[in-house]
Amino acid sequence: MTKITKLIPILFDRFLSEKTRKKTERIILFIALVSFFIHLAVIYLIDFNLLPFSQDLELLKNPISAIYTPFSFILIYEVYLLIYYLPKSFTTYIIKQYEIITLIIIRKLFKDLSALELTSNWFEIKGDLQFTYDIVASLLLFFLIYLFQKQGKRKIELQDTAPSSIDRFVKKKKTIAVILVPLFFFMALYTLINWSLEISFSTNELPPLDTINNLFFDEFFTILILVDVVLLLISFFYTHEFHKTIRNSGFIISTILIRISFGVSGLISTILIVVAVLFGLAIISIHNQYELQKLPDDFNKEGD
């Protein structure tokens, strides 16, 4: 047990230090840039019939859709940032969840842009309608995340100096973060390899786009739900305040709603995502009101 206690700070410094974060950022951005040009080259090679894939494939029919690939790597970096901020700020950790799902929608918009049918029957075409839903949802989510960040900063201002018990809670969160880094790395690697094996060169087809959109992130949010539950249970050792319990439970519900959105498609999926972030914003706003309305200890002693 003592060896593990000594090992955690070493692994944390190796995986989640500021130096590692900056190095990871440079690597991911380089890979994203290279992947963009590779995707672009593949599209033009198909145009010149130098590759056997069909031009009807959604991700290979238009140069605009090449933006989809670098965004996928940027999303992986956002996953790393989510783990990075977990021990530092629970609010920022939740914000990163919302940013990830918003970026997934933005990534999908780049794909949909390449397939828009600009006709007078805009609201009768399923693809164009979904593009409309997603572009409105991305704007709404952007604004809701902004409001959530404001509430998060307000919550920090309301807090007193962290007691020693909070330090112990942070150490436990560091342990969870250290476990998550290799877990998500191997999940991403397994997903990439598994998806690559699904490519059928004999039939010139790629896996269905819905499958590509949900790659990794449906399992990712499943793991996040479990992590949130563990954090909630651990928090009971350090606080029994009703409003903090409701806040943490509410964030779990918000994450579950996001996870459910991967199991459906179309407008229902978009609505679930917006409702999830809206619910999280409502939870933290009400929590902050509780913090403002805390009664002084001497009032409780009077028995009023």
C-alpha atoms as a PDB file:
ATOM      1  CA  MET A   1       0.000   0.000   0.000  1.00  0.00           C
ATOM      2  CA  THR A   2       2.876   2.334   0.850  1.00  0.00           C
ATOM      3  CA  LYS A   3       4.513   1.598  -2.511  1.00  0.00           C
ATOM      4  CA  ILE A   4       1.296   2.488  -4.338  1.00  0.00           C
ATOM      5  CA  THR A   5       0.994   5.708  -2.309  1.00  0.00           C
ATOM      6  CA  LYS A   6       4.509   6.688  -3.379  1.00  0.00           C
ATOM      7  CA  LEU A   7       3.934   5.606  -6.991  1.00  0.00           C
ATOM      8  CA  ILE A   8       0.815   7.737  -7.613  1.00  0.00           C
ATOM      9  CA  PRO A   9       2.602  11.148  -7.404  1.00  0.00           C
ATOM     10  CA  ILE A  10       5.322   9.873  -9.759  1.00  0.00           C
ATOM     11  CA  LEU A  11       2.780   8.631 -12.328  1.00  0.00           C
ATOM     12  CA  PHE A  12       0.710  11.778 -11.933  1.00  0.00           C
ATOM     13  CA  ASP A  13       3.748  13.932 -12.674  1.00  0.00           C
ATOM     14  CA  ARG A  14       4.566  11.716 -15.658  1.00  0.00           C
ATOM     15  CA  PHE A  15       1.039  11.678 -17.145  1.00  0.00           C
ATOM     16  CA  LEU A  16      -0.622  14.907 -16.004  1.00  0.00           C
ATOM     17  CA  SER A  17       1.978  17.555 -15.275  1.00  0.00           C
ATOM     18  CA  GLU A  18       1.928  20.924 -17.044  1.00  0.00           C
ATOM     19  CA  LYS A  19       5.013  19.881 -19.011  1.00  0.00           C
ATOM     20  CA  THR A  20       3.302  16.688 -20.195  1.00  0.00           C
ATOM     21  CA  ARG A  21       0.151  18.621 -21.101  1.00  0.00           C
ATOM     22  CA  LYS A  22       2.086  21.032 -23.318  1.00  0.00           C
ATOM     23  CA  LYS A  23       3.995  18.177 -24.953  1.00  0.00           C
ATOM     24  CA  THR A  24       0.767  16.246 -25.566  1.00  0.00           C
ATOM     25  CA  GLU A  25      -0.826  19.352 -27.062  1.00  0.00           C
ATOM     26  CA  ARG A  26       2.020  19.818 -29.561  1.00  0.00           C
ATOM     27  CA  ILE A  27       1.951  16.144 -30.576  1.00  0.00           C
ATOM     28  CA  ILE A  28      -1.831  16.018 -31.027  1.00  0.00           C
ATOM     29  CA  LEU A  29      -1.921  19.268 -33.020  1.00  0.00           C
ATOM     30  CA  PHE A  30       0.876  17.974 -35.285  1.00  0.00           C
ATOM     31  CA  ILE A  31      -0.989  14.695 -35.849  1.00  0.00           C
ATOM     32  CA  ALA A  32      -4.222  16.629 -36.517  1.00  0.00           C
ATOM     33  CA  LEU A  33      -2.505  18.786 -39.144  1.00  0.00           C
ATOM     34  CA  VAL A  34      -0.895  15.804 -40.858  1.00  0.00           C
ATOM     35  CA  SER A  35      -4.170  13.821 -40.780  1.00  0.00           C
ATOM     36  CA  PHE A  36      -5.986  16.709 -42.474  1.00  0.00           C
ATOM     37  CA  PHE A  37      -3.595  16.682 -45.430  1.00  0.00           C
ATOM     38  CA  ILE A  38      -3.705  12.874 -45.635  1.00  0.00           C
ATOM     39  CA  HIS A  39      -7.529  12.889 -45.700  1.00  0.00           C
ATOM     40  CA  LEU A  40      -7.445  15.656 -48.310  1.00  0.00           C
ATOM     41  CA  ALA A  41      -4.966  13.676 -50.421  1.00  0.00           C
ATOM     42  CA  VAL A  42      -7.156  10.557 -50.233  1.00  0.00           C
ATOM     43  CA  ILE A  43     -10.175  12.526 -51.492  1.00  0.00           C
ATOM     44  CA  TYR A  44      -8.257  13.821 -54.520  1.00  0.00           C
ATOM     45  CA  LEU A  45      -6.695  10.408 -55.217  1.00  0.00           C
ATOM     46  CA  ILE A  46     -10.217   8.971 -55.345  1.00  0.00           C
ATOM     47  CA  ASP A  47     -11.261  11.786 -57.689  1.00  0.00           C
ATOM     48  CA  PHE A  48      -8.471  10.721 -60.060  1.00  0.00           C
ATOM     49  CA  ASN A  49      -9.451   7.027 -59.664  1.00  0.00           C
ATOM     50  CA  LEU A  50      -6.132   6.191 -58.021  1.00  0.00           C
ATOM     51  CA  LEU A  51      -7.822   4.615 -54.992  1.00  0.00           C
ATOM     52  CA  PRO A  52     -10.562   1.963 -55.128  1.00  0.00           C
ATOM     53  CA  PHE A  53     -13.075   3.664 -52.796  1.00  0.00           C
ATOM     54  CA  SER A  54     -16.376   5.007 -54.063  1.00  0.00           C
ATOM     55  CA  GLN A  55     -16.846   8.773 -54.391  1.00  0.00           C
ATOM     56  CA  ASP A  56     -20.302   8.371 -52.851  1.00  0.00           C
ATOM     57  CA  LEU A  57     -18.867   7.759 -49.374  1.00  0.00           C
ATOM     58  CA  GLU A  58     -19.844  10.691 -47.155  1.00  0.00           C
ATOM     59  CA  LEU A  59     -16.359  11.364 -45.771  1.00  0.00           C
ATOM     60  CA  LEU A  60     -14.658  11.059 -49.160  1.00  0.00           C
ATOM     61  CA  LYS A  61     -16.846  13.028 -51.531  1.00  0.00           C
ATOM     62  CA  ASN A  62     -15.889  16.639 -50.705  1.00  0.00           C
ATOM     63  CA  PRO A  63     -12.662  18.354 -49.513  1.00  0.00           C
ATOM     64  CA  ILE A  64     -14.639  20.084 -46.727  1.00  0.00           C
ATOM     65  CA  SER A  65     -15.253  16.704 -45.096  1.00  0.00           C
ATOM     66  CA  ALA A  66     -11.469  16.379 -44.597  1.00  0.00           C
ATOM     67  CA  ILE A  67     -11.852  18.709 -41.587  1.00  0.00           C
ATOM     68  CA  TYR A  68     -13.635  15.814 -39.847  1.00  0.00           C
ATOM     69  CA  THR A  69     -10.359  13.936 -39.304  1.00  0.00           C
ATOM     70  CA  PRO A  70      -8.260  16.610 -37.500  1.00  0.00           C
ATOM     71  CA  PHE A  71     -11.287  17.401 -35.334  1.00  0.00           C
ATOM     72  CA  SER A  72     -11.274  13.780 -34.217  1.00  0.00           C
ATOM     73  CA  PHE A  73      -7.731  14.181 -32.896  1.00  0.00           C
ATOM     74  CA  ILE A  74      -8.611  17.500 -31.251  1.00  0.00           C
ATOM     75  CA  LEU A  75     -11.399  15.636 -29.458  1.00  0.00           C
ATOM     76  CA  ILE A  76      -8.871  13.104 -28.179  1.00  0.00           C
ATOM     77  CA  TYR A  77      -6.855  16.003 -26.758  1.00  0.00           C
ATOM     78  CA  GLU A  78     -10.018  17.313 -25.072  1.00  0.00           C
ATOM     79  CA  VAL A  79     -10.403  13.895 -23.440  1.00  0.00           C
ATOM     80  CA  TYR A  80      -6.871  14.250 -22.082  1.00  0.00           C
ATOM     81  CA  LEU A  81      -7.685  17.757 -20.786  1.00  0.00           C
ATOM     82  CA  LEU A  82     -10.767  16.394 -19.043  1.00  0.00           C
ATOM     83  CA  ILE A  83      -8.565  13.952 -17.107  1.00  0.00           C
ATOM     84  CA  TYR A  84      -5.979  16.698 -16.562  1.00  0.00           C
ATOM     85  CA  TYR A  85      -8.511  18.973 -14.868  1.00  0.00           C
ATOM     86  CA  LEU A  86     -10.237  16.252 -12.831  1.00  0.00           C
ATOM     87  CA  PRO A  87      -8.004  16.635  -9.733  1.00  0.00           C
ATOM     88  CA  LYS A  88      -7.781  20.422 -10.113  1.00  0.00           C
ATOM     89  CA  SER A  89     -11.402  21.473 -10.549  1.00  0.00           C
ATOM     90  CA  PHE A  90     -14.536  19.323 -10.593  1.00  0.00           C
ATOM     91  CA  THR A  91     -16.439  22.145 -12.303  1.00  0.00           C
ATOM     92  CA  THR A  92     -13.853  22.382 -15.105  1.00  0.00           C
ATOM     93  CA  TYR A  93     -14.012  18.587 -15.411  1.00  0.00           C
ATOM     94  CA  ILE A  94     -17.771  18.829 -16.073  1.00  0.00           C
ATOM     95  CA  ILE A  95     -17.267  21.758 -18.475  1.00  0.00           C
ATOM     96  CA  LYS A  96     -14.845  19.598 -20.465  1.00  0.00           C
ATOM     97  CA  GLN A  97     -17.545  16.925 -20.822  1.00  0.00           C
ATOM     98  CA  TYR A  98     -19.860  19.549 -22.298  1.00  0.00           C
ATOM     99  CA  GLU A  99     -17.138  20.914 -24.561  1.00  0.00           C
ATOM    100  CA  ILE A 100     -16.410  17.417 -25.884  1.00  0.00           C
ATOM    101  CA  ILE A 101     -20.032  16.709 -26.839  1.00  0.00           C
ATOM    102  CA  THR A 102     -20.294  20.186 -28.430  1.00  0.00           C
ATOM    103  CA  LEU A 103     -17.153  19.546 -30.488  1.00  0.00           C
ATOM    104  CA  ILE A 104     -18.617  16.212 -31.595  1.00  0.00           C
ATOM    105  CA  ILE A 105     -21.597  18.131 -32.994  1.00  0.00           C
ATOM    106  CA  ILE A 106     -19.283  20.714 -34.630  1.00  0.00           C
ATOM    107  CA  ARG A 107     -17.264  17.888 -36.194  1.00  0.00           C
ATOM    108  CA  LYS A 108     -20.471  16.409 -37.585  1.00  0.00           C
ATOM    109  CA  LEU A 109     -21.387  19.812 -39.060  1.00  0.00           C
ATOM    110  CA  PHE A 110     -18.246  19.795 -41.207  1.00  0.00           C
ATOM    111  CA  LYS A 111     -19.287  16.428 -42.612  1.00  0.00           C
ATOM    112  CA  ASP A 112     -22.866  17.612 -43.195  1.00  0.00           C
ATOM    113  CA  LEU A 113     -21.673  20.800 -44.930  1.00  0.00           C
ATOM    114  CA  SER A 114     -20.173  18.693 -47.691  1.00  0.00           C
ATOM    115  CA  ALA A 115     -23.496  16.943 -48.322  1.00  0.00           C
ATOM    116  CA  LEU A 116     -25.976  19.856 -48.143  1.00  0.00           C
ATOM    117  CA  GLU A 117     -28.630  19.985 -50.841  1.00  0.00           C
ATOM    118  CA  LEU A 118     -29.271  23.675 -51.388  1.00  0.00           C
ATOM    119  CA  THR A 119     -32.825  23.603 -52.723  1.00  0.00           C
ATOM    120  CA  SER A 120     -36.113  25.313 -51.953  1.00  0.00           C
ATOM    121  CA  ASN A 121     -37.235  22.087 -50.221  1.00  0.00           C
ATOM    122  CA  TRP A 122     -34.747  22.599 -47.377  1.00  0.00           C
ATOM    123  CA  PHE A 123     -37.147  21.537 -44.597  1.00  0.00           C
ATOM    124  CA  GLU A 124     -38.192  18.409 -46.499  1.00  0.00           C
ATOM    125  CA  ILE A 125     -34.675  16.970 -46.829  1.00  0.00           C
ATOM    126  CA  LYS A 126     -33.620  14.886 -43.821  1.00  0.00           C
ATOM    127  CA  GLY A 127     -29.904  15.721 -44.066  1.00  0.00           C
ATOM    128  CA  ASP A 128     -30.503  19.464 -44.373  1.00  0.00           C
ATOM    129  CA  LEU A 129     -32.954  19.387 -41.470  1.00  0.00           C
ATOM    130  CA  GLN A 130     -30.427  17.613 -39.237  1.00  0.00           C
ATOM    131  CA  PHE A 131     -27.807  20.191 -40.218  1.00  0.00           C
ATOM    132  CA  THR A 132     -30.223  22.924 -39.102  1.00  0.00           C
ATOM    133  CA  TYR A 133     -30.851  21.186 -35.758  1.00  0.00           C
ATOM    134  CA  ASP A 134     -27.132  20.711 -35.152  1.00  0.00           C
ATOM    135  CA  ILE A 135     -26.075  24.245 -36.045  1.00  0.00           C
ATOM    136  CA  VAL A 136     -28.745  25.729 -33.738  1.00  0.00           C
ATOM    137  CA  ALA A 137     -27.790  23.253 -30.999  1.00  0.00           C
ATOM    138  CA  SER A 138     -24.071  24.115 -31.290  1.00  0.00           C
ATOM    139  CA  LEU A 139     -24.829  27.829 -30.804  1.00  0.00           C
ATOM    140  CA  LEU A 140     -27.110  27.095 -27.859  1.00  0.00           C
ATOM    141  CA  LEU A 141     -24.553  24.749 -26.268  1.00  0.00           C
ATOM    142  CA  PHE A 142     -21.803  27.337 -26.732  1.00  0.00           C
ATOM    143  CA  PHE A 143     -23.903  29.877 -24.829  1.00  0.00           C
ATOM    144  CA  LEU A 144     -24.909  27.388 -22.101  1.00  0.00           C
ATOM    145  CA  ILE A 145     -21.259  26.416 -21.528  1.00  0.00           C
ATOM    146  CA  TYR A 146     -20.409  30.121 -21.206  1.00  0.00           C
ATOM    147  CA  LEU A 147     -23.111  30.489 -18.542  1.00  0.00           C
ATOM    148  CA  PHE A 148     -21.887  27.318 -16.808  1.00  0.00           C
ATOM    149  CA  GLN A 149     -18.340  28.699 -16.680  1.00  0.00           C
ATOM    150  CA  LYS A 150     -19.629  31.913 -15.096  1.00  0.00           C
ATOM    151  CA  GLN A 151     -21.470  29.900 -12.446  1.00  0.00           C
ATOM    152  CA  GLY A 152     -18.355  27.764 -11.901  1.00  0.00           C
ATOM    153  CA  LYS A 153     -16.190  30.842 -11.247  1.00  0.00           C
ATOM    154  CA  ARG A 154     -18.862  32.209  -8.941  1.00  0.00           C
ATOM    155  CA  LYS A 155     -18.844  28.939  -6.993  1.00  0.00           C
ATOM    156  CA  ILE A 156     -15.085  29.188  -6.491  1.00  0.00           C
ATOM    157  CA  GLU A 157     -15.416  32.745  -5.180  1.00  0.00           C
ATOM    158  CA  LEU A 158     -18.036  31.608  -2.672  1.00  0.00           C
ATOM    159  CA  GLN A 159     -15.878  28.832  -1.251  1.00  0.00           C
ATOM    160  CA  ASP A 160     -13.756  29.286   1.858  1.00  0.00           C
ATOM    161  CA  THR A 161     -10.163  28.106   2.121  1.00  0.00           C
ATOM    162  CA  ALA A 162     -10.057  24.376   1.439  1.00  0.00           C
ATOM    163  CA  PRO A 163      -9.669  22.312   4.620  1.00  0.00           C
ATOM    164  CA  SER A 164      -7.225  19.414   4.935  1.00  0.00           C
ATOM    165  CA  SER A 165     -10.065  16.970   4.161  1.00  0.00           C
ATOM    166  CA  ILE A 166     -10.340  18.508   0.700  1.00  0.00           C
ATOM    167  CA  ASP A 167      -6.632  17.846   0.183  1.00  0.00           C
ATOM    168  CA  ARG A 168      -7.257  14.158   0.863  1.00  0.00           C
ATOM    169  CA  PHE A 169     -10.152  14.222  -1.621  1.00  0.00           C
ATOM    170  CA  VAL A 170      -7.841  15.769  -4.247  1.00  0.00           C
ATOM    171  CA  LYS A 171      -5.299  12.965  -3.690  1.00  0.00           C
ATOM    172  CA  LYS A 172      -8.021  10.399  -4.381  1.00  0.00           C
ATOM    173  CA  LYS A 173      -9.002  12.253  -7.559  1.00  0.00           C
ATOM    174  CA  LYS A 174      -5.350  12.196  -8.646  1.00  0.00           C
ATOM    175  CA  THR A 175      -5.354   8.426  -8.222  1.00  0.00           C
ATOM    176  CA  ILE A 176      -8.472   8.148 -10.405  1.00  0.00           C
ATOM    177  CA  ALA A 177      -6.911  10.446 -13.028  1.00  0.00           C
ATOM    178  CA  VAL A 178      -3.726   8.349 -13.150  1.00  0.00           C
ATOM    179  CA  ILE A 179      -5.841   5.238 -13.794  1.00  0.00           C
ATOM    180  CA  LEU A 180      -7.903   6.963 -16.504  1.00  0.00           C
ATOM    181  CA  VAL A 181      -4.949   8.076 -18.654  1.00  0.00           C
ATOM    182  CA  PRO A 182      -3.770   4.587 -19.734  1.00  0.00           C
ATOM    183  CA  LEU A 183      -7.360   3.305 -19.754  1.00  0.00           C
ATOM    184  CA  PHE A 184      -8.542   5.890 -22.273  1.00  0.00           C
ATOM    185  CA  PHE A 185      -5.318   5.556 -24.272  1.00  0.00           C
ATOM    186  CA  PHE A 186      -5.845   1.824 -24.762  1.00  0.00           C
ATOM    187  CA  MET A 187      -9.564   2.380 -25.448  1.00  0.00           C
ATOM    188  CA  ALA A 188      -8.700   4.872 -28.209  1.00  0.00           C
ATOM    189  CA  LEU A 189      -6.022   2.561 -29.637  1.00  0.00           C
ATOM    190  CA  TYR A 190      -8.366  -0.434 -29.587  1.00  0.00           C
ATOM    191  CA  THR A 191     -11.128   1.605 -31.264  1.00  0.00           C
ATOM    192  CA  LEU A 192      -8.768   2.778 -34.027  1.00  0.00           C
ATOM    193  CA  ILE A 193      -7.474  -0.739 -34.709  1.00  0.00           C
ATOM    194  CA  ASN A 194     -10.957  -2.279 -34.597  1.00  0.00           C
ATOM    195  CA  TRP A 195     -12.359   0.373 -36.951  1.00  0.00           C
ATOM    196  CA  SER A 196      -9.441  -0.109 -39.357  1.00  0.00           C
ATOM    197  CA  LEU A 197     -10.160  -3.837 -39.495  1.00  0.00           C
ATOM    198  CA  GLU A 198     -13.800  -3.110 -40.343  1.00  0.00           C
ATOM    199  CA  ILE A 199     -12.828  -1.295 -43.536  1.00  0.00           C
ATOM    200  CA  SER A 200     -13.820  -3.513 -46.421  1.00  0.00           C
ATOM    201  CA  PHE A 201     -11.430  -3.028 -49.305  1.00  0.00           C
ATOM    202  CA  SER A 202     -13.105  -5.796 -51.260  1.00  0.00           C
ATOM    203  CA  THR A 203     -16.453  -3.941 -51.350  1.00  0.00           C
ATOM    204  CA  ASN A 204     -14.907  -0.437 -51.334  1.00  0.00           C
ATOM    205  CA  GLU A 205     -16.910   0.549 -48.273  1.00  0.00           C
ATOM    206  CA  LEU A 206     -16.275   2.216 -44.942  1.00  0.00           C
ATOM    207  CA  PRO A 207     -18.172   1.447 -41.724  1.00  0.00           C
ATOM    208  CA  PRO A 208     -21.508   3.321 -41.427  1.00  0.00           C
ATOM    209  CA  LEU A 209     -21.130   7.002 -40.562  1.00  0.00           C
ATOM    210  CA  ASP A 210     -23.281   6.704 -37.442  1.00  0.00           C
ATOM    211  CA  THR A 211     -20.780   4.152 -36.182  1.00  0.00           C
ATOM    212  CA  ILE A 212     -17.885   6.504 -36.982  1.00  0.00           C
ATOM    213  CA  ASN A 213     -19.569   9.413 -35.162  1.00  0.00           C
ATOM    214  CA  ASN A 214     -19.985   7.321 -32.020  1.00  0.00           C
ATOM    215  CA  LEU A 215     -16.570   5.662 -32.156  1.00  0.00           C
ATOM    216  CA  PHE A 216     -14.902   5.664 -28.743  1.00  0.00           C
ATOM    217  CA  PHE A 217     -17.169   8.329 -27.245  1.00  0.00           C
ATOM    218  CA  ASP A 218     -20.115   6.105 -26.364  1.00  0.00           C
ATOM    219  CA  GLU A 219     -17.787   3.915 -24.262  1.00  0.00           C
ATOM    220  CA  PHE A 220     -15.986   7.054 -23.080  1.00  0.00           C
ATOM    221  CA  PHE A 221     -19.129   8.564 -21.555  1.00  0.00           C
ATOM    222  CA  THR A 222     -20.023   5.196 -20.031  1.00  0.00           C
ATOM    223  CA  ILE A 223     -16.707   5.256 -18.162  1.00  0.00           C
ATOM    224  CA  LEU A 224     -17.331   8.885 -17.157  1.00  0.00           C
ATOM    225  CA  ILE A 225     -20.645   7.881 -15.558  1.00  0.00           C
ATOM    226  CA  LEU A 226     -18.832   5.285 -13.458  1.00  0.00           C
ATOM    227  CA  VAL A 227     -16.137   7.823 -12.526  1.00  0.00           C
ATOM    228  CA  ASP A 228     -18.785  10.369 -11.507  1.00  0.00           C
ATOM    229  CA  VAL A 229     -20.505   7.784  -9.299  1.00  0.00           C
ATOM    230  CA  VAL A 230     -17.187   6.912  -7.621  1.00  0.00           C
ATOM    231  CA  LEU A 231     -16.487  10.616  -7.009  1.00  0.00           C
ATOM    232  CA  LEU A 232     -19.958  11.040  -5.539  1.00  0.00           C
ATOM    233  CA  LEU A 233     -19.449   8.126  -3.147  1.00  0.00           C
ATOM    234  CA  ILE A 234     -15.990   9.352  -2.111  1.00  0.00           C
ATOM    235  CA  SER A 235     -17.362  12.866  -1.518  1.00  0.00           C
ATOM    236  CA  PHE A 236     -19.634  11.485   1.229  1.00  0.00           C
ATOM    237  CA  PHE A 237     -16.506  10.998   3.354  1.00  0.00           C
ATOM    238  CA  TYR A 238     -15.860  14.744   3.250  1.00  0.00           C
ATOM    239  CA  THR A 239     -19.253  16.431   3.110  1.00  0.00           C
ATOM    240  CA  HIS A 240     -22.850  15.612   4.012  1.00  0.00           C
ATOM    241  CA  GLU A 241     -24.324  18.891   2.778  1.00  0.00           C
ATOM    242  CA  PHE A 242     -27.544  18.294   0.873  1.00  0.00           C
ATOM    243  CA  HIS A 243     -26.922  20.821  -1.904  1.00  0.00           C
ATOM    244  CA  LYS A 244     -23.466  19.416  -2.699  1.00  0.00           C
ATOM    245  CA  THR A 245     -24.871  15.883  -2.877  1.00  0.00           C
ATOM    246  CA  ILE A 246     -27.614  17.064  -5.240  1.00  0.00           C
ATOM    247  CA  ARG A 247     -25.053  18.947  -7.336  1.00  0.00           C
ATOM    248  CA  ASN A 248     -22.830  15.893  -7.776  1.00  0.00           C
ATOM    249  CA  SER A 249     -25.842  13.635  -8.414  1.00  0.00           C
ATOM    250  CA  GLY A 250     -27.169  16.122 -10.961  1.00  0.00           C
ATOM    251  CA  PHE A 251     -23.893  16.076 -12.862  1.00  0.00           C
ATOM    252  CA  ILE A 252     -24.145  12.275 -13.066  1.00  0.00           C
ATOM    253  CA  ILE A 253     -27.649  12.584 -14.528  1.00  0.00           C
ATOM    254  CA  SER A 254     -26.326  15.114 -17.041  1.00  0.00           C
ATOM    255  CA  THR A 255     -23.569  12.709 -18.129  1.00  0.00           C
ATOM    256  CA  ILE A 256     -26.078   9.848 -18.419  1.00  0.00           C
ATOM    257  CA  LEU A 257     -28.275  11.976 -20.716  1.00  0.00           C
ATOM    258  CA  ILE A 258     -25.274  12.645 -22.946  1.00  0.00           C
ATOM    259  CA  ARG A 259     -24.477   8.929 -23.028  1.00  0.00           C
ATOM    260  CA  ILE A 260     -28.092   8.098 -23.956  1.00  0.00           C
ATOM    261  CA  SER A 261     -27.858  10.540 -26.880  1.00  0.00           C
ATOM    262  CA  PHE A 262     -25.386   8.172 -28.582  1.00  0.00           C
ATOM    263  CA  GLY A 263     -28.036   5.464 -28.643  1.00  0.00           C
ATOM    264  CA  VAL A 264     -30.500   7.528 -30.690  1.00  0.00           C
ATOM    265  CA  SER A 265     -30.213   9.679 -33.784  1.00  0.00           C
ATOM    266  CA  GLY A 266     -31.669  12.770 -35.371  1.00  0.00           C
ATOM    267  CA  LEU A 267     -33.497  15.462 -33.437  1.00  0.00           C
ATOM    268  CA  ILE A 268     -33.950  13.310 -30.307  1.00  0.00           C
ATOM    269  CA  SER A 269     -30.176  12.959 -29.928  1.00  0.00           C
ATOM    270  CA  THR A 270     -29.660  16.714 -30.295  1.00  0.00           C
ATOM    271  CA  ILE A 271     -32.417  17.505 -27.780  1.00  0.00           C
ATOM    272  CA  LEU A 272     -30.951  15.077 -25.222  1.00  0.00           C
ATOM    273  CA  ILE A 273     -27.550  16.783 -25.448  1.00  0.00           C
ATOM    274  CA  VAL A 274     -29.007  20.280 -25.011  1.00  0.00           C
ATOM    275  CA  VAL A 275     -31.197  19.118 -22.109  1.00  0.00           C
ATOM    276  CA  ALA A 276     -28.159  17.487 -20.462  1.00  0.00           C
ATOM    277  CA  VAL A 277     -26.150  20.732 -20.483  1.00  0.00           C
ATOM    278  CA  LEU A 278     -29.191  22.806 -19.520  1.00  0.00           C
ATOM    279  CA  PHE A 279     -29.825  20.484 -16.572  1.00  0.00           C
ATOM    280  CA  GLY A 280     -26.186  20.780 -15.468  1.00  0.00           C
ATOM    281  CA  LEU A 281     -26.405  24.581 -15.665  1.00  0.00           C
ATOM    282  CA  ALA A 282     -29.604  24.595 -13.583  1.00  0.00           C
ATOM    283  CA  ILE A 283     -27.982  22.323 -10.984  1.00  0.00           C
ATOM    284  CA  ILE A 284     -24.884  24.471 -10.491  1.00  0.00           C
ATOM    285  CA  SER A 285     -26.949  27.692 -10.467  1.00  0.00           C
ATOM    286  CA  ILE A 286     -29.213  26.395  -7.699  1.00  0.00           C
ATOM    287  CA  HIS A 287     -26.176  25.029  -5.832  1.00  0.00           C
ATOM    288  CA  ASN A 288     -24.616  28.513  -5.845  1.00  0.00           C
ATOM    289  CA  GLN A 289     -27.817  29.989  -4.435  1.00  0.00           C
ATOM    290  CA  TYR A 290     -27.582  27.477  -1.573  1.00  0.00           C
ATOM    291  CA  GLU A 291     -24.010  28.620  -0.956  1.00  0.00           C
ATOM    292  CA  LEU A 292     -25.195  32.232  -0.730  1.00  0.00           C
ATOM    293  CA  GLN A 293     -28.043  31.364   1.622  1.00  0.00           C
ATOM    294  CA  LYS A 294     -25.988  29.298   4.094  1.00  0.00           C
ATOM    295  CA  LEU A 295     -27.151  30.014   7.628  1.00  0.00           C
ATOM    296  CA  PRO A 296     -24.531  30.999  10.254  1.00  0.00           C
ATOM    297  CA  ASP A 297     -23.732  28.387  12.885  1.00  0.00           C
ATOM    298  CA  ASP A 298     -24.966  30.541  15.752  1.00  0.00           C
ATOM    299  CA  PHE A 299     -28.424  30.733  14.114  1.00  0.00           C
ATOM    300  CA  ASN A 300     -28.648  26.943  14.191  1.00  0.00           C
ATOM    301  CA  LYS A 301     -27.572  26.913  17.838  1.00  0.00           C
ATOM    302  CA  GLU A 302     -30.491  29.152  18.805  1.00  0.00           C
ATOM    303  CA  GLY A 303     -32.899  26.519  17.559  1.00  0.00           C
ATOM    304  CA  ASP A 304     -34.919  28.961  15.421  1.00  0.00           C
END
